[in-house]
Amino acid sequence: MDDILARIALCVESGKTDKASPYPPGMKGQDGADEITKLAIEEGLGPARILDEALIPAMAAVGERYSRKEIYVPQMLMAAKAMNSSMKHLKPFFTSGETKRKGKFIIGTVSGDLHDIGKNLVAMMIEGGGWEIIDLGVDVSADKFLKAIEANPGAFVGLSALLTTTMENMKKTVAVLKEKHPGMKILVGGAPVTREYCEKIGADFYSPDPQGAVNYLKQFAV
């Protein structure tokens, strides 16, 4: 069983989605995260174990390599795609309540901003860390965030902005959310955002890379 978990982790770290995927070239023609995860479940490996012992460590390794600039966005996206191909086999167990997630994370790009690559990477990394993702997309108003929070009590929130012109909307959104839900944890990120700006607008956490957000959330996992 340890061998099959190691194979899933290797596929995710390498970005090997399925047998048909030509990437990476060194694994061409081999089974990917999709097939091996399906096999693992058929052989009786529990979804929680696959998540905890294969997907989470693999995505953590990918995140650390990205933080050290050993890999870049394309490799991160391939790893996330492989992780998602594995997660599709696990999601029915989470949906049924048979297996528990660590918590819920609401994420969106703030009003006026249509950029989503950074947001998507963070969402994929946090999902790979064992959390349920509620992705609101781009150009998300404060009201839409509020509705999602009300529908998902106890959730954490992530705000993304890639433009200096939409940072003001991030500030306004944080103010609205904190007024209604003062104890809620809000994470912020995006190219122009800094730790100083995070503190200035009253958000709770900033990281320049997705792995930082994953590490921050670990302390709150249920």
C-alpha atoms as a PDB file:
ATOM      1  CA  MET A   1       0.000   0.000   0.000  1.00  0.00           C
ATOM      2  CA  ASP A   2       2.891   2.352   0.766  1.00  0.00           C
ATOM      3  CA  ASP A   3       4.187   1.759  -2.757  1.00  0.00           C
ATOM      4  CA  ILE A   4       0.898   2.797  -4.374  1.00  0.00           C
ATOM      5  CA  LEU A   5       0.770   5.963  -2.213  1.00  0.00           C
ATOM      6  CA  ALA A   6       4.323   6.798  -3.256  1.00  0.00           C
ATOM      7  CA  ARG A   7       3.377   6.328  -6.926  1.00  0.00           C
ATOM      8  CA  ILE A   8       0.412   8.723  -6.571  1.00  0.00           C
ATOM      9  CA  ALA A   9       2.636  11.293  -4.859  1.00  0.00           C
ATOM     10  CA  LEU A  10       5.262  10.980  -7.599  1.00  0.00           C
ATOM     11  CA  CYS A  11       2.641  11.522 -10.304  1.00  0.00           C
ATOM     12  CA  VAL A  12       1.350  14.660  -8.596  1.00  0.00           C
ATOM     13  CA  GLU A  13       4.834  16.082  -7.992  1.00  0.00           C
ATOM     14  CA  SER A  14       5.788  15.321 -11.608  1.00  0.00           C
ATOM     15  CA  GLY A  15       2.536  16.598 -13.137  1.00  0.00           C
ATOM     16  CA  LYS A  16       1.614  13.181 -14.567  1.00  0.00           C
ATOM     17  CA  THR A  17      -2.176  13.419 -14.918  1.00  0.00           C
ATOM     18  CA  ASP A  18      -3.077  10.165 -16.673  1.00  0.00           C
ATOM     19  CA  LYS A  19      -1.691   7.526 -19.022  1.00  0.00           C
ATOM     20  CA  ALA A  20      -2.544   9.586 -22.121  1.00  0.00           C
ATOM     21  CA  SER A  21      -0.664  12.651 -20.850  1.00  0.00           C
ATOM     22  CA  PRO A  22       2.648  13.214 -22.692  1.00  0.00           C
ATOM     23  CA  TYR A  23       3.989  15.201 -19.715  1.00  0.00           C
ATOM     24  CA  PRO A  24       6.507  14.669 -18.255  1.00  0.00           C
ATOM     25  CA  PRO A  25       8.359  13.033 -21.188  1.00  0.00           C
ATOM     26  CA  GLY A  26      10.180  10.596 -18.865  1.00  0.00           C
ATOM     27  CA  MET A  27       6.829   9.098 -17.746  1.00  0.00           C
ATOM     28  CA  LYS A  28       5.188   8.902 -21.185  1.00  0.00           C
ATOM     29  CA  GLY A  29       2.929   5.857 -21.527  1.00  0.00           C
ATOM     30  CA  GLN A  30       2.845   5.186 -17.784  1.00  0.00           C
ATOM     31  CA  ASP A  31      -0.250   5.299 -15.600  1.00  0.00           C
ATOM     32  CA  GLY A  32      -0.850   8.690 -14.002  1.00  0.00           C
ATOM     33  CA  ALA A  33      -2.497  10.025 -10.840  1.00  0.00           C
ATOM     34  CA  ASP A  34      -5.928   9.254 -12.324  1.00  0.00           C
ATOM     35  CA  GLU A  35      -5.425   5.529 -12.915  1.00  0.00           C
ATOM     36  CA  ILE A  36      -3.307   4.873  -9.817  1.00  0.00           C
ATOM     37  CA  THR A  37      -5.771   6.596  -7.465  1.00  0.00           C
ATOM     38  CA  LYS A  38      -8.642   4.566  -8.970  1.00  0.00           C
ATOM     39  CA  LEU A  39      -6.595   1.395  -8.420  1.00  0.00           C
ATOM     40  CA  ALA A  40      -5.776   2.431  -4.830  1.00  0.00           C
ATOM     41  CA  ILE A  41      -9.469   2.810  -3.974  1.00  0.00           C
ATOM     42  CA  GLU A  42     -10.318  -0.505  -5.656  1.00  0.00           C
ATOM     43  CA  GLU A  43      -7.644  -2.188  -3.532  1.00  0.00           C
ATOM     44  CA  GLY A  44      -9.198  -0.794  -0.348  1.00  0.00           C
ATOM     45  CA  LEU A  45      -7.075   2.240   0.412  1.00  0.00           C
ATOM     46  CA  GLY A  46      -9.217   4.810   2.206  1.00  0.00           C
ATOM     47  CA  PRO A  47      -9.633   8.255   0.633  1.00  0.00           C
ATOM     48  CA  ALA A  48      -8.422   9.984   3.812  1.00  0.00           C
ATOM     49  CA  ARG A  49      -5.198   8.006   3.678  1.00  0.00           C
ATOM     50  CA  ILE A  50      -4.675   8.820  -0.009  1.00  0.00           C
ATOM     51  CA  LEU A  51      -5.199  12.510   0.778  1.00  0.00           C
ATOM     52  CA  ASP A  52      -3.052  12.582   3.933  1.00  0.00           C
ATOM     53  CA  GLU A  53      -0.201  10.331   2.799  1.00  0.00           C
ATOM     54  CA  ALA A  54       0.030  11.072  -0.937  1.00  0.00           C
ATOM     55  CA  LEU A  55      -1.701  14.238  -2.122  1.00  0.00           C
ATOM     56  CA  ILE A  56      -0.988  16.582   0.788  1.00  0.00           C
ATOM     57  CA  PRO A  57       2.749  15.723   1.020  1.00  0.00           C
ATOM     58  CA  ALA A  58       3.094  15.898  -2.780  1.00  0.00           C
ATOM     59  CA  MET A  59       1.449  19.317  -3.056  1.00  0.00           C
ATOM     60  CA  ALA A  60       3.483  20.543  -0.072  1.00  0.00           C
ATOM     61  CA  ALA A  61       6.673  19.468  -1.865  1.00  0.00           C
ATOM     62  CA  VAL A  62       5.505  21.250  -5.038  1.00  0.00           C
ATOM     63  CA  GLY A  63       4.725  24.381  -3.032  1.00  0.00           C
ATOM     64  CA  GLU A  64       8.118  24.390  -1.342  1.00  0.00           C
ATOM     65  CA  ARG A  65       9.902  23.948  -4.679  1.00  0.00           C
ATOM     66  CA  TYR A  66       7.897  26.859  -6.102  1.00  0.00           C
ATOM     67  CA  SER A  67       8.817  28.995  -3.072  1.00  0.00           C
ATOM     68  CA  ARG A  68      12.493  28.229  -3.704  1.00  0.00           C
ATOM     69  CA  LYS A  69      12.020  29.111  -7.409  1.00  0.00           C
ATOM     70  CA  GLU A  70      13.068  25.586  -8.460  1.00  0.00           C
ATOM     71  CA  ILE A  71       9.865  25.335 -10.518  1.00  0.00           C
ATOM     72  CA  TYR A  72       7.542  27.951 -11.989  1.00  0.00           C
ATOM     73  CA  VAL A  73       3.838  28.510 -12.715  1.00  0.00           C
ATOM     74  CA  PRO A  74       3.575  26.005 -15.642  1.00  0.00           C
ATOM     75  CA  GLN A  75       4.952  23.159 -13.496  1.00  0.00           C
ATOM     76  CA  MET A  76       2.684  24.196 -10.613  1.00  0.00           C
ATOM     77  CA  LEU A  77      -0.328  24.081 -12.932  1.00  0.00           C
ATOM     78  CA  MET A  78       0.630  20.611 -14.203  1.00  0.00           C
ATOM     79  CA  ALA A  79       1.004  19.340 -10.633  1.00  0.00           C
ATOM     80  CA  ALA A  80      -2.361  20.845  -9.712  1.00  0.00           C
ATOM     81  CA  LYS A  81      -3.955  19.209 -12.760  1.00  0.00           C
ATOM     82  CA  ALA A  82      -2.554  15.829 -11.689  1.00  0.00           C
ATOM     83  CA  MET A  83      -3.799  16.434  -8.138  1.00  0.00           C
ATOM     84  CA  ASN A  84      -7.279  17.227  -9.468  1.00  0.00           C
ATOM     85  CA  SER A  85      -7.331  14.017 -11.513  1.00  0.00           C
ATOM     86  CA  SER A  86      -6.705  12.139  -8.284  1.00  0.00           C
ATOM     87  CA  MET A  87      -9.160  14.227  -6.234  1.00  0.00           C
ATOM     88  CA  LYS A  88     -12.068  13.413  -8.569  1.00  0.00           C
ATOM     89  CA  HIS A  89     -11.939   9.838  -7.218  1.00  0.00           C
ATOM     90  CA  LEU A  90     -11.930  11.077  -3.599  1.00  0.00           C
ATOM     91  CA  LYS A  91     -14.597  13.799  -3.823  1.00  0.00           C
ATOM     92  CA  PRO A  92     -17.600  11.418  -3.679  1.00  0.00           C
ATOM     93  CA  PHE A  93     -16.384  10.237  -0.265  1.00  0.00           C
ATOM     94  CA  PHE A  94     -16.090  13.841   0.984  1.00  0.00           C
ATOM     95  CA  THR A  95     -19.479  14.792  -0.461  1.00  0.00           C
ATOM     96  CA  SER A  96     -21.166  11.858   1.255  1.00  0.00           C
ATOM     97  CA  GLY A  97     -19.649  12.828   4.593  1.00  0.00           C
ATOM     98  CA  GLU A  98     -17.833   9.496   4.818  1.00  0.00           C
ATOM     99  CA  THR A  99     -14.525  11.336   4.917  1.00  0.00           C
ATOM    100  CA  LYS A 100     -14.009  14.732   6.539  1.00  0.00           C
ATOM    101  CA  ARG A 101     -12.244  17.788   5.121  1.00  0.00           C
ATOM    102  CA  LYS A 102     -10.138  20.070   7.317  1.00  0.00           C
ATOM    103  CA  GLY A 103     -12.517  22.986   6.806  1.00  0.00           C
ATOM    104  CA  LYS A 104     -13.898  25.308   4.136  1.00  0.00           C
ATOM    105  CA  PHE A 105     -12.053  28.023   2.220  1.00  0.00           C
ATOM    106  CA  ILE A 106     -13.889  30.667   0.194  1.00  0.00           C
ATOM    107  CA  ILE A 107     -11.754  32.335  -2.467  1.00  0.00           C
ATOM    108  CA  GLY A 108     -12.256  34.945  -5.175  1.00  0.00           C
ATOM    109  CA  THR A 109     -10.602  37.777  -7.092  1.00  0.00           C
ATOM    110  CA  VAL A 110     -11.941  41.105  -5.851  1.00  0.00           C
ATOM    111  CA  SER A 111     -14.410  43.368  -7.664  1.00  0.00           C
ATOM    112  CA  GLY A 112     -13.063  44.959 -10.846  1.00  0.00           C
ATOM    113  CA  ASP A 113     -10.252  42.406 -11.300  1.00  0.00           C
ATOM    114  CA  LEU A 114     -10.548  39.605 -13.882  1.00  0.00           C
ATOM    115  CA  HIS A 115      -7.229  37.837 -13.218  1.00  0.00           C
ATOM    116  CA  ASP A 116      -7.461  34.278 -11.961  1.00  0.00           C
ATOM    117  CA  ILE A 117      -4.186  32.354 -12.403  1.00  0.00           C
ATOM    118  CA  GLY A 118      -2.850  33.261  -8.955  1.00  0.00           C
ATOM    119  CA  LYS A 119      -6.224  32.638  -7.339  1.00  0.00           C
ATOM    120  CA  ASN A 120      -6.525  29.277  -9.081  1.00  0.00           C
ATOM    121  CA  LEU A 121      -3.081  28.189  -7.914  1.00  0.00           C
ATOM    122  CA  VAL A 122      -3.880  29.083  -4.318  1.00  0.00           C
ATOM    123  CA  ALA A 123      -7.229  27.273  -4.542  1.00  0.00           C
ATOM    124  CA  MET A 124      -5.593  24.149  -5.966  1.00  0.00           C
ATOM    125  CA  MET A 125      -2.841  24.137  -3.338  1.00  0.00           C
ATOM    126  CA  ILE A 126      -5.297  24.594  -0.453  1.00  0.00           C
ATOM    127  CA  GLU A 127      -7.589  21.898  -1.847  1.00  0.00           C
ATOM    128  CA  GLY A 128      -4.537  19.654  -2.110  1.00  0.00           C
ATOM    129  CA  GLY A 129      -3.957  20.433   1.567  1.00  0.00           C
ATOM    130  CA  GLY A 130      -7.268  18.828   2.460  1.00  0.00           C
ATOM    131  CA  TRP A 131      -9.699  21.767   2.471  1.00  0.00           C
ATOM    132  CA  GLU A 132     -13.032  22.166   0.691  1.00  0.00           C
ATOM    133  CA  ILE A 133     -12.844  25.055  -1.800  1.00  0.00           C
ATOM    134  CA  ILE A 134     -15.698  27.426  -2.590  1.00  0.00           C
ATOM    135  CA  ASP A 135     -14.329  29.323  -5.610  1.00  0.00           C
ATOM    136  CA  LEU A 136     -16.371  32.446  -6.382  1.00  0.00           C
ATOM    137  CA  GLY A 137     -14.351  33.283  -9.507  1.00  0.00           C
ATOM    138  CA  VAL A 138     -13.296  36.783 -10.542  1.00  0.00           C
ATOM    139  CA  ASP A 139     -14.752  40.283 -10.146  1.00  0.00           C
ATOM    140  CA  VAL A 140     -16.362  39.223  -6.863  1.00  0.00           C
ATOM    141  CA  SER A 141     -18.295  41.863  -4.934  1.00  0.00           C
ATOM    142  CA  ALA A 142     -18.255  42.160  -1.145  1.00  0.00           C
ATOM    143  CA  ASP A 143     -21.931  41.123  -1.152  1.00  0.00           C
ATOM    144  CA  LYS A 144     -21.132  37.898  -2.994  1.00  0.00           C
ATOM    145  CA  PHE A 145     -18.414  37.093  -0.437  1.00  0.00           C
ATOM    146  CA  LEU A 146     -20.907  37.803   2.377  1.00  0.00           C
ATOM    147  CA  LYS A 147     -23.499  35.452   0.876  1.00  0.00           C
ATOM    148  CA  ALA A 148     -20.900  32.685   0.578  1.00  0.00           C
ATOM    149  CA  ILE A 149     -19.812  33.232   4.193  1.00  0.00           C
ATOM    150  CA  GLU A 150     -23.408  33.058   5.399  1.00  0.00           C
ATOM    151  CA  ALA A 151     -23.904  29.815   3.438  1.00  0.00           C
ATOM    152  CA  ASN A 152     -20.675  28.339   4.851  1.00  0.00           C
ATOM    153  CA  PRO A 153     -20.360  29.274   8.544  1.00  0.00           C
ATOM    154  CA  GLY A 154     -16.848  29.001   9.932  1.00  0.00           C
ATOM    155  CA  ALA A 155     -15.177  29.223   6.519  1.00  0.00           C
ATOM    156  CA  PHE A 156     -11.915  31.046   5.913  1.00  0.00           C
ATOM    157  CA  VAL A 157     -11.710  33.630   3.116  1.00  0.00           C
ATOM    158  CA  GLY A 158      -9.035  34.398   0.522  1.00  0.00           C
ATOM    159  CA  LEU A 159      -9.004  37.624  -1.527  1.00  0.00           C
ATOM    160  CA  SER A 160      -6.848  38.066  -4.633  1.00  0.00           C
ATOM    161  CA  ALA A 161      -5.933  41.205  -6.584  1.00  0.00           C
ATOM    162  CA  LEU A 162      -3.449  41.553  -9.419  1.00  0.00           C
ATOM    163  CA  LEU A 163      -3.915  45.243 -10.210  1.00  0.00           C
ATOM    164  CA  THR A 164      -2.887  48.225  -8.100  1.00  0.00           C
ATOM    165  CA  THR A 165      -6.191  49.810  -9.144  1.00  0.00           C
ATOM    166  CA  THR A 166      -8.201  46.980  -7.548  1.00  0.00           C
ATOM    167  CA  MET A 167      -6.272  46.931  -4.280  1.00  0.00           C
ATOM    168  CA  GLU A 168      -8.678  49.605  -3.035  1.00  0.00           C
ATOM    169  CA  ASN A 169     -11.544  47.161  -3.647  1.00  0.00           C
ATOM    170  CA  MET A 170      -9.661  44.580  -1.591  1.00  0.00           C
ATOM    171  CA  LYS A 171      -9.454  47.111   1.243  1.00  0.00           C
ATOM    172  CA  LYS A 172     -13.192  47.853   1.017  1.00  0.00           C
ATOM    173  CA  THR A 173     -14.094  44.160   0.903  1.00  0.00           C
ATOM    174  CA  VAL A 174     -12.012  43.395   3.993  1.00  0.00           C
ATOM    175  CA  ALA A 175     -13.729  46.266   5.833  1.00  0.00           C
ATOM    176  CA  VAL A 176     -17.222  45.012   4.914  1.00  0.00           C
ATOM    177  CA  LEU A 177     -16.450  41.385   5.825  1.00  0.00           C
ATOM    178  CA  LYS A 178     -14.786  42.289   9.129  1.00  0.00           C
ATOM    179  CA  GLU A 179     -17.682  44.524  10.096  1.00  0.00           C
ATOM    180  CA  LYS A 180     -20.152  41.652   9.696  1.00  0.00           C
ATOM    181  CA  HIS A 181     -17.831  38.852  10.834  1.00  0.00           C
ATOM    182  CA  PRO A 182     -15.082  40.357  13.035  1.00  0.00           C
ATOM    183  CA  GLY A 183     -13.631  37.012  14.091  1.00  0.00           C
ATOM    184  CA  MET A 184     -13.275  35.612  10.569  1.00  0.00           C
ATOM    185  CA  LYS A 185      -9.795  34.992   9.166  1.00  0.00           C
ATOM    186  CA  ILE A 186      -9.088  36.726   5.829  1.00  0.00           C
ATOM    187  CA  LEU A 187      -6.059  35.867   3.698  1.00  0.00           C
ATOM    188  CA  VAL A 188      -4.929  38.232   0.926  1.00  0.00           C
ATOM    189  CA  GLY A 189      -2.515  37.903  -1.966  1.00  0.00           C
ATOM    190  CA  GLY A 190      -1.588  38.999  -5.468  1.00  0.00           C
ATOM    191  CA  ALA A 191       1.341  40.606  -7.236  1.00  0.00           C
ATOM    192  CA  PRO A 192       0.964  44.166  -5.839  1.00  0.00           C
ATOM    193  CA  VAL A 193      -0.066  43.055  -2.322  1.00  0.00           C
ATOM    194  CA  THR A 194       2.466  43.138   0.528  1.00  0.00           C
ATOM    195  CA  ARG A 195       2.535  42.130   4.175  1.00  0.00           C
ATOM    196  CA  GLU A 196       2.439  45.812   5.100  1.00  0.00           C
ATOM    197  CA  TYR A 197      -0.684  46.361   2.986  1.00  0.00           C
ATOM    198  CA  CYS A 198      -2.304  43.283   4.548  1.00  0.00           C
ATOM    199  CA  GLU A 199      -1.790  44.761   8.012  1.00  0.00           C
ATOM    200  CA  LYS A 200      -2.901  48.232   6.904  1.00  0.00           C
ATOM    201  CA  ILE A 201      -6.286  47.016   5.609  1.00  0.00           C
ATOM    202  CA  GLY A 202      -6.963  44.750   8.593  1.00  0.00           C
ATOM    203  CA  ALA A 203      -6.572  41.356   6.882  1.00  0.00           C
ATOM    204  CA  ASP A 204      -5.117  38.464   8.870  1.00  0.00           C
ATOM    205  CA  PHE A 205      -2.492  36.898   6.641  1.00  0.00           C
ATOM    206  CA  TYR A 206      -0.433  37.520   3.514  1.00  0.00           C
ATOM    207  CA  SER A 207       1.932  35.217   1.679  1.00  0.00           C
ATOM    208  CA  PRO A 208       3.827  35.808  -1.567  1.00  0.00           C
ATOM    209  CA  ASP A 209       3.257  32.159  -2.561  1.00  0.00           C
ATOM    210  CA  PRO A 210       0.473  29.555  -2.223  1.00  0.00           C
ATOM    211  CA  GLN A 211       2.361  27.280   0.164  1.00  0.00           C
ATOM    212  CA  GLY A 212       2.446  30.051   2.770  1.00  0.00           C
ATOM    213  CA  ALA A 213      -1.359  30.078   2.824  1.00  0.00           C
ATOM    214  CA  VAL A 214      -1.474  26.288   3.169  1.00  0.00           C
ATOM    215  CA  ASN A 215       0.977  26.413   6.084  1.00  0.00           C
ATOM    216  CA  TYR A 216      -1.004  29.191   7.804  1.00  0.00           C
ATOM    217  CA  LEU A 217      -4.272  27.248   7.595  1.00  0.00           C
ATOM    218  CA  LYS A 218      -2.774  24.105   9.161  1.00  0.00           C
ATOM    219  CA  GLN A 219      -3.178  25.547  12.655  1.00  0.00           C
ATOM    220  CA  PHE A 220      -6.949  25.838  12.173  1.00  0.00           C
ATOM    221  CA  ALA A 221      -7.617  22.398  10.677  1.00  0.00           C
ATOM    222  CA  VAL A 222     -10.505  20.559  12.360  1.00  0.00           C
END
